[in-house]
C-alpha cells in the first residue's frame, strides 16, 4: 500500500474517557521521514475533532499522520465503542492489535463515521490507541 496525503480532519468519540493525543507525528515523502507536531491536539476525545497541524497541510505529498494515545483504565470495560471518521484513509490499532481500516462513506451534508466495538482489545491498566491517517 502506497502512502499518500491526508490534509483534513480526523474525529473520534469513544465511550471510554481518553484525555488527549499526547503524540502526533507527520510523515512526508516516499521514505516517510517524519516531523513531530509540538502542540497538543485537544483536551478530550469525547465527541471532539482532531485537526492535523498546519505543518502537515504544508508538507509535500505524500503524507501520513500518526496519532497515538496512551491511557489507563481502572478495570476492563463492560462495553467500549469507538466512533471514527477521516476524510481520507485510516488504519486503527488498539494495544498493538489491528482493528479496522476506513474511511466511512462521506457526504458533506450528512457526515458519517465508522463504529467499532473495541471492548475485546481493551484491558485493565495501560492501553494504547493508534491511528495512521493517509490518502
N, C-alpha and C. Protein backbone atom coordinates (compact mmCIF):
# COMPACT_ATOMS: atom_id res chain seq x y z
N UNK A 1 0.85 -1.17 0.00
CA UNK A 1 0.00 0.00 0.00
C UNK A 1 0.90 1.24 0.00
N UNK A 2 0.67 2.14 -0.91
CA UNK A 2 1.49 3.33 -1.06
C UNK A 2 0.95 4.45 -0.16
N UNK A 3 1.84 5.10 0.61
CA UNK A 3 1.42 6.20 1.46
C UNK A 3 1.22 7.46 0.63
N UNK A 4 0.11 8.20 0.90
CA UNK A 4 -0.16 9.42 0.16
C UNK A 4 -0.45 10.56 1.11
N UNK A 5 -1.45 11.36 0.93
CA UNK A 5 -1.65 12.59 1.71
C UNK A 5 -2.91 12.55 2.55
N UNK A 6 -2.86 13.18 3.68
CA UNK A 6 -4.05 13.46 4.48
C UNK A 6 -3.95 14.90 4.92
N UNK A 7 -4.90 15.73 4.53
CA UNK A 7 -4.80 17.15 4.86
C UNK A 7 -6.03 17.68 5.56
N UNK A 8 -6.81 16.84 6.18
CA UNK A 8 -8.00 17.40 6.80
C UNK A 8 -8.26 16.84 8.18
N UNK A 9 -9.42 16.27 8.39
CA UNK A 9 -9.92 16.03 9.74
C UNK A 9 -9.91 14.57 10.13
N UNK A 10 -9.61 14.33 11.38
CA UNK A 10 -9.84 13.03 11.99
C UNK A 10 -10.65 13.29 13.24
N UNK A 11 -11.80 12.69 13.33
CA UNK A 11 -12.65 12.92 14.50
C UNK A 11 -12.86 11.60 15.22
N UNK A 12 -12.82 11.65 16.52
CA UNK A 12 -13.04 10.45 17.31
C UNK A 12 -13.92 10.74 18.50
N UNK A 13 -14.76 9.83 18.80
CA UNK A 13 -15.52 9.87 20.05
C UNK A 13 -15.55 8.45 20.57
N UNK A 14 -15.45 8.30 21.85
CA UNK A 14 -15.45 6.96 22.41
C UNK A 14 -16.14 6.95 23.76
N UNK A 15 -16.69 5.81 24.12
CA UNK A 15 -17.34 5.71 25.42
C UNK A 15 -16.31 5.60 26.53
N UNK A 16 -15.08 5.29 26.20
CA UNK A 16 -14.02 5.35 27.19
C UNK A 16 -13.55 6.80 27.26
N UNK A 17 -13.19 7.26 28.42
CA UNK A 17 -12.72 8.63 28.55
C UNK A 17 -11.23 8.66 28.25
N UNK A 18 -10.88 9.31 27.16
CA UNK A 18 -9.49 9.47 26.77
C UNK A 18 -9.17 10.95 26.81
N UNK A 19 -8.10 11.32 27.42
CA UNK A 19 -7.81 12.74 27.65
C UNK A 19 -7.41 13.49 26.39
N UNK A 20 -6.29 13.17 25.77
CA UNK A 20 -5.87 13.83 24.54
C UNK A 20 -4.78 13.00 23.89
N UNK A 21 -4.57 13.23 22.61
CA UNK A 21 -3.49 12.53 21.94
C UNK A 21 -2.19 13.20 22.35
N UNK A 22 -1.35 12.47 23.04
CA UNK A 22 -0.11 13.03 23.56
C UNK A 22 0.97 13.06 22.50
N UNK A 23 0.85 12.25 21.49
CA UNK A 23 1.90 12.17 20.48
C UNK A 23 1.28 12.19 19.11
N UNK A 24 1.81 13.04 18.26
CA UNK A 24 1.31 13.15 16.90
C UNK A 24 2.52 13.32 15.99
N UNK A 25 2.61 12.54 14.94
CA UNK A 25 3.75 12.63 14.02
C UNK A 25 3.25 12.82 12.60
N UNK A 26 3.99 13.62 11.86
CA UNK A 26 3.67 13.86 10.46
C UNK A 26 4.78 13.25 9.63
N UNK A 27 4.42 12.36 8.72
CA UNK A 27 5.39 11.70 7.87
C UNK A 27 5.18 12.17 6.44
N UNK A 28 6.27 12.54 5.75
CA UNK A 28 6.15 13.06 4.39
C UNK A 28 7.11 12.35 3.46
N UNK A 29 6.78 12.34 2.18
CA UNK A 29 7.66 11.80 1.17
C UNK A 29 7.60 10.30 1.05
N UNK A 30 8.23 9.78 0.03
CA UNK A 30 8.21 8.34 -0.22
C UNK A 30 8.85 7.55 0.92
N UNK A 31 9.85 8.13 1.59
CA UNK A 31 10.53 7.44 2.67
C UNK A 31 9.85 7.65 4.02
N UNK A 32 8.80 8.47 4.06
CA UNK A 32 8.04 8.76 5.28
C UNK A 32 8.93 9.29 6.40
N UNK A 33 9.88 10.16 6.03
CA UNK A 33 10.69 10.83 7.05
C UNK A 33 9.77 11.75 7.81
N UNK A 34 9.87 11.77 9.14
CA UNK A 34 8.85 12.46 9.92
C UNK A 34 9.30 13.70 10.66
N UNK A 35 8.32 14.50 11.05
CA UNK A 35 8.48 15.62 11.94
C UNK A 35 7.46 15.42 13.05
N UNK A 36 7.74 15.91 14.23
CA UNK A 36 6.81 15.75 15.34
C UNK A 36 6.08 17.07 15.58
N UNK A 37 4.78 17.01 15.67
CA UNK A 37 3.99 18.20 15.99
C UNK A 37 4.11 18.47 17.48
N UNK A 38 4.44 19.70 17.84
CA UNK A 38 4.71 20.03 19.24
C UNK A 38 3.45 20.29 20.05
N UNK A 39 2.39 20.76 19.43
CA UNK A 39 1.22 21.17 20.18
C UNK A 39 0.29 20.01 20.48
N UNK A 40 -0.30 20.01 21.71
CA UNK A 40 -1.33 19.02 22.00
C UNK A 40 -2.51 19.22 21.05
N UNK A 41 -3.31 18.20 20.85
CA UNK A 41 -4.34 18.25 19.84
C UNK A 41 -5.75 18.35 20.40
N UNK A 42 -5.91 18.64 21.65
CA UNK A 42 -7.25 18.76 22.20
C UNK A 42 -7.26 18.35 23.66
N UNK A 43 -8.33 18.64 24.34
CA UNK A 43 -8.40 18.32 25.76
C UNK A 43 -9.22 17.06 26.02
N UNK A 44 -10.07 16.67 25.11
CA UNK A 44 -10.89 15.49 25.32
C UNK A 44 -11.23 14.86 23.98
N UNK A 45 -11.24 13.55 23.95
CA UNK A 45 -11.65 12.87 22.72
C UNK A 45 -13.13 12.59 22.71
N UNK A 46 -13.81 12.93 23.78
CA UNK A 46 -15.25 12.70 23.84
C UNK A 46 -15.94 13.67 22.89
N UNK A 47 -16.40 13.15 21.75
CA UNK A 47 -17.09 13.97 20.74
C UNK A 47 -16.26 15.15 20.27
N UNK A 48 -14.99 14.94 20.05
CA UNK A 48 -14.13 16.04 19.63
C UNK A 48 -13.55 15.79 18.23
N UNK A 49 -13.09 16.85 17.62
CA UNK A 49 -12.46 16.80 16.31
C UNK A 49 -10.98 17.06 16.50
N UNK A 50 -10.15 16.30 15.84
CA UNK A 50 -8.71 16.48 15.91
C UNK A 50 -8.23 16.89 14.53
N UNK A 51 -7.67 18.07 14.44
CA UNK A 51 -7.15 18.57 13.17
C UNK A 51 -5.68 18.27 13.09
N UNK A 52 -5.20 17.96 11.90
CA UNK A 52 -3.77 17.83 11.74
C UNK A 52 -3.20 19.24 11.72
N UNK A 53 -1.96 19.41 12.14
CA UNK A 53 -1.39 20.75 12.23
C UNK A 53 -1.14 21.36 10.86
N UNK A 54 -1.01 22.67 10.86
CA UNK A 54 -0.71 23.39 9.62
C UNK A 54 0.53 22.80 8.95
N UNK A 55 1.48 22.35 9.75
CA UNK A 55 2.69 21.73 9.23
C UNK A 55 2.37 20.64 8.22
N UNK A 56 1.41 19.79 8.55
CA UNK A 56 1.05 18.69 7.65
C UNK A 56 0.37 19.20 6.40
N UNK A 57 -0.42 20.26 6.52
CA UNK A 57 -1.11 20.80 5.37
C UNK A 57 -0.13 21.42 4.38
N UNK A 58 1.02 21.85 4.88
CA UNK A 58 2.03 22.49 4.03
C UNK A 58 3.14 21.54 3.63
N UNK A 59 3.10 20.31 4.10
CA UNK A 59 4.13 19.32 3.83
C UNK A 59 3.95 18.74 2.44
N UNK A 60 5.06 18.56 1.70
CA UNK A 60 4.95 17.95 0.37
C UNK A 60 4.31 16.57 0.45
N UNK A 61 3.64 16.20 -0.62
CA UNK A 61 2.95 14.91 -0.67
C UNK A 61 3.92 13.82 -1.09
N UNK A 62 3.67 12.58 -0.77
CA UNK A 62 2.61 12.04 0.06
C UNK A 62 2.88 12.25 1.55
N UNK A 63 1.84 12.23 2.36
CA UNK A 63 1.94 12.47 3.80
C UNK A 63 1.08 11.48 4.56
N UNK A 64 1.58 11.06 5.72
CA UNK A 64 0.80 10.28 6.67
C UNK A 64 0.88 10.98 8.01
N UNK A 65 -0.19 10.93 8.79
CA UNK A 65 -0.18 11.50 10.13
C UNK A 65 -0.53 10.38 11.09
N UNK A 66 0.32 10.18 12.10
CA UNK A 66 0.09 9.13 13.09
C UNK A 66 -0.35 9.77 14.40
N UNK A 67 -1.44 9.26 14.96
CA UNK A 67 -1.95 9.71 16.25
C UNK A 67 -1.83 8.55 17.22
N UNK A 68 -1.39 8.84 18.44
CA UNK A 68 -1.27 7.79 19.44
C UNK A 68 -1.66 8.34 20.80
N UNK A 69 -2.45 7.60 21.54
CA UNK A 69 -2.86 7.99 22.88
C UNK A 69 -2.70 6.81 23.82
N UNK A 70 -1.95 7.01 24.87
CA UNK A 70 -1.84 6.01 25.92
C UNK A 70 -2.73 6.45 27.06
N UNK A 71 -3.47 5.51 27.64
CA UNK A 71 -4.38 5.84 28.73
C UNK A 71 -4.51 4.62 29.64
N UNK A 72 -5.01 4.86 30.83
CA UNK A 72 -5.15 3.81 31.83
C UNK A 72 -6.61 3.61 32.19
N UNK A 73 -7.03 2.35 32.26
CA UNK A 73 -8.38 2.01 32.69
C UNK A 73 -8.30 1.31 34.05
N UNK A 74 -9.14 1.73 34.97
CA UNK A 74 -9.14 1.14 36.31
C UNK A 74 -9.60 -0.32 36.27
N UNK A 75 -10.45 -0.64 35.30
CA UNK A 75 -10.93 -2.02 35.14
C UNK A 75 -11.28 -2.26 33.68
N UNK A 76 -11.43 -3.52 33.31
CA UNK A 76 -11.84 -3.83 31.94
C UNK A 76 -13.24 -3.29 31.72
N UNK A 77 -13.47 -2.60 30.60
CA UNK A 77 -14.81 -2.06 30.35
C UNK A 77 -15.80 -3.16 30.00
N UNK A 78 -17.04 -2.99 30.43
CA UNK A 78 -18.10 -3.93 30.05
C UNK A 78 -18.39 -3.79 28.57
N UNK A 79 -18.32 -2.56 28.07
CA UNK A 79 -18.53 -2.29 26.64
C UNK A 79 -17.84 -0.99 26.28
N UNK A 80 -17.16 -0.97 25.16
CA UNK A 80 -16.50 0.24 24.69
C UNK A 80 -16.63 0.32 23.18
N UNK A 81 -17.26 1.38 22.70
CA UNK A 81 -17.40 1.60 21.26
C UNK A 81 -16.56 2.81 20.87
N UNK A 82 -15.96 2.73 19.70
CA UNK A 82 -15.18 3.83 19.16
C UNK A 82 -15.86 4.28 17.88
N UNK A 83 -16.05 5.58 17.75
CA UNK A 83 -16.60 6.18 16.53
C UNK A 83 -15.46 6.94 15.88
N UNK A 84 -15.19 6.67 14.61
CA UNK A 84 -14.05 7.28 13.94
C UNK A 84 -14.42 7.74 12.55
N UNK A 85 -13.88 8.89 12.17
CA UNK A 85 -14.11 9.47 10.85
C UNK A 85 -12.82 10.11 10.36
N UNK A 86 -12.53 9.95 9.10
CA UNK A 86 -11.43 10.67 8.46
C UNK A 86 -11.87 10.91 7.02
N UNK A 87 -11.54 12.06 6.48
CA UNK A 87 -11.97 12.32 5.10
C UNK A 87 -11.03 11.66 4.10
N UNK A 88 -10.05 10.94 4.61
CA UNK A 88 -9.16 10.14 3.77
C UNK A 88 -9.04 8.77 4.43
N UNK A 89 -8.07 8.00 4.04
CA UNK A 89 -7.93 6.64 4.58
C UNK A 89 -7.34 6.65 5.98
N UNK A 90 -7.69 5.63 6.77
CA UNK A 90 -7.09 5.48 8.09
C UNK A 90 -6.96 4.01 8.44
N UNK A 91 -6.04 3.73 9.35
CA UNK A 91 -5.85 2.41 9.94
C UNK A 91 -5.90 2.59 11.45
N UNK A 92 -6.58 1.70 12.16
CA UNK A 92 -6.76 1.81 13.61
C UNK A 92 -6.19 0.59 14.31
N UNK A 93 -5.41 0.83 15.38
CA UNK A 93 -4.90 -0.22 16.24
C UNK A 93 -5.25 0.10 17.69
N UNK A 94 -5.53 -0.93 18.47
CA UNK A 94 -5.69 -0.78 19.92
C UNK A 94 -4.76 -1.80 20.56
N UNK A 95 -3.87 -1.31 21.42
CA UNK A 95 -2.89 -2.16 22.11
C UNK A 95 -2.10 -3.04 21.14
N UNK A 96 -1.70 -2.44 20.03
CA UNK A 96 -0.87 -3.13 19.06
C UNK A 96 -1.61 -4.11 18.16
N UNK A 97 -2.90 -4.26 18.35
CA UNK A 97 -3.69 -5.18 17.51
C UNK A 97 -4.46 -4.38 16.47
N UNK A 98 -4.31 -4.78 15.21
CA UNK A 98 -5.04 -4.14 14.12
C UNK A 98 -6.53 -4.33 14.34
N UNK A 99 -7.31 -3.24 14.22
CA UNK A 99 -8.74 -3.29 14.47
C UNK A 99 -9.56 -3.03 13.22
N UNK A 100 -9.24 -1.97 12.48
CA UNK A 100 -10.14 -1.51 11.42
C UNK A 100 -9.40 -0.60 10.45
N UNK A 101 -9.88 -0.57 9.21
CA UNK A 101 -9.42 0.44 8.25
C UNK A 101 -10.64 1.13 7.68
N UNK A 102 -10.44 2.34 7.20
CA UNK A 102 -11.56 3.11 6.65
C UNK A 102 -11.07 3.96 5.50
N UNK A 103 -11.90 4.76 4.95
CA UNK A 103 -12.85 5.60 5.66
C UNK A 103 -14.28 5.08 5.58
N UNK A 104 -15.12 5.72 6.40
CA UNK A 104 -16.55 5.54 6.25
C UNK A 104 -16.95 6.36 5.03
N UNK A 105 -18.12 6.12 4.51
CA UNK A 105 -18.60 6.94 3.40
C UNK A 105 -18.82 8.36 3.90
N UNK A 106 -18.60 9.34 3.02
CA UNK A 106 -18.69 10.73 3.45
C UNK A 106 -19.58 11.54 2.51
N UNK A 107 -20.43 12.34 3.11
CA UNK A 107 -21.24 13.31 2.38
C UNK A 107 -21.25 14.58 3.22
N UNK A 108 -20.88 15.75 2.64
CA UNK A 108 -20.74 16.98 3.42
C UNK A 108 -21.98 17.38 4.21
N UNK A 109 -23.16 17.07 3.70
CA UNK A 109 -24.39 17.46 4.41
C UNK A 109 -24.84 16.39 5.41
N UNK A 110 -24.21 15.24 5.37
CA UNK A 110 -24.60 14.15 6.26
C UNK A 110 -23.35 13.36 6.64
N UNK A 111 -22.50 13.96 7.50
CA UNK A 111 -21.27 13.25 7.85
C UNK A 111 -21.58 11.91 8.52
N UNK A 112 -20.82 10.93 8.19
CA UNK A 112 -20.97 9.60 8.75
C UNK A 112 -19.65 9.18 9.37
N UNK A 113 -19.71 8.19 10.21
CA UNK A 113 -18.49 7.68 10.83
C UNK A 113 -18.61 6.17 10.99
N UNK A 114 -17.46 5.55 11.16
CA UNK A 114 -17.42 4.12 11.42
C UNK A 114 -17.54 3.90 12.93
N UNK A 115 -18.25 2.86 13.31
CA UNK A 115 -18.36 2.48 14.72
C UNK A 115 -17.82 1.07 14.87
N UNK A 116 -16.97 0.88 15.85
CA UNK A 116 -16.40 -0.44 16.09
C UNK A 116 -16.40 -0.71 17.60
N UNK A 117 -16.75 -1.93 17.96
CA UNK A 117 -16.70 -2.35 19.36
C UNK A 117 -15.25 -2.72 19.66
N UNK A 118 -14.62 -1.99 20.57
CA UNK A 118 -13.22 -2.24 20.90
C UNK A 118 -13.06 -2.90 22.27
N UNK A 119 -14.16 -3.38 22.83
CA UNK A 119 -14.14 -3.98 24.17
C UNK A 119 -13.07 -5.07 24.29
N UNK A 120 -13.02 -5.98 23.32
CA UNK A 120 -12.08 -7.11 23.41
C UNK A 120 -10.62 -6.69 23.28
N UNK A 121 -10.36 -5.48 22.81
CA UNK A 121 -8.99 -5.01 22.65
C UNK A 121 -8.49 -4.26 23.89
N UNK A 122 -9.40 -3.84 24.75
CA UNK A 122 -9.02 -3.05 25.93
C UNK A 122 -8.81 -3.95 27.13
N UNK A 123 -7.98 -3.48 28.05
CA UNK A 123 -7.68 -4.25 29.25
C UNK A 123 -7.54 -3.32 30.45
N UNK A 124 -7.61 -3.90 31.60
CA UNK A 124 -7.37 -3.14 32.82
C UNK A 124 -5.91 -2.68 32.81
N UNK A 125 -5.68 -1.44 33.21
CA UNK A 125 -4.32 -0.91 33.24
C UNK A 125 -4.02 -0.08 32.00
N UNK A 126 -2.78 -0.16 31.54
CA UNK A 126 -2.30 0.67 30.43
C UNK A 126 -2.84 0.18 29.08
N UNK A 127 -3.29 1.12 28.26
CA UNK A 127 -3.80 0.84 26.91
C UNK A 127 -3.24 1.87 25.94
N UNK A 128 -3.23 1.52 24.67
CA UNK A 128 -2.73 2.44 23.64
C UNK A 128 -3.65 2.39 22.42
N UNK A 129 -4.07 3.56 21.98
CA UNK A 129 -4.90 3.72 20.79
C UNK A 129 -4.03 4.41 19.73
N UNK A 130 -3.95 3.84 18.52
CA UNK A 130 -3.12 4.42 17.46
C UNK A 130 -3.91 4.47 16.16
N UNK A 131 -3.77 5.59 15.44
CA UNK A 131 -4.43 5.76 14.15
C UNK A 131 -3.41 6.33 13.17
N UNK A 132 -3.31 5.72 12.00
CA UNK A 132 -2.49 6.25 10.91
C UNK A 132 -3.45 6.74 9.84
N UNK A 133 -3.37 8.04 9.53
CA UNK A 133 -4.25 8.64 8.54
C UNK A 133 -3.44 8.91 7.28
N UNK A 134 -3.97 8.49 6.15
CA UNK A 134 -3.32 8.70 4.86
C UNK A 134 -4.38 8.83 3.79
N UNK A 135 -3.96 9.17 2.58
CA UNK A 135 -4.93 9.28 1.49
C UNK A 135 -4.58 8.30 0.40
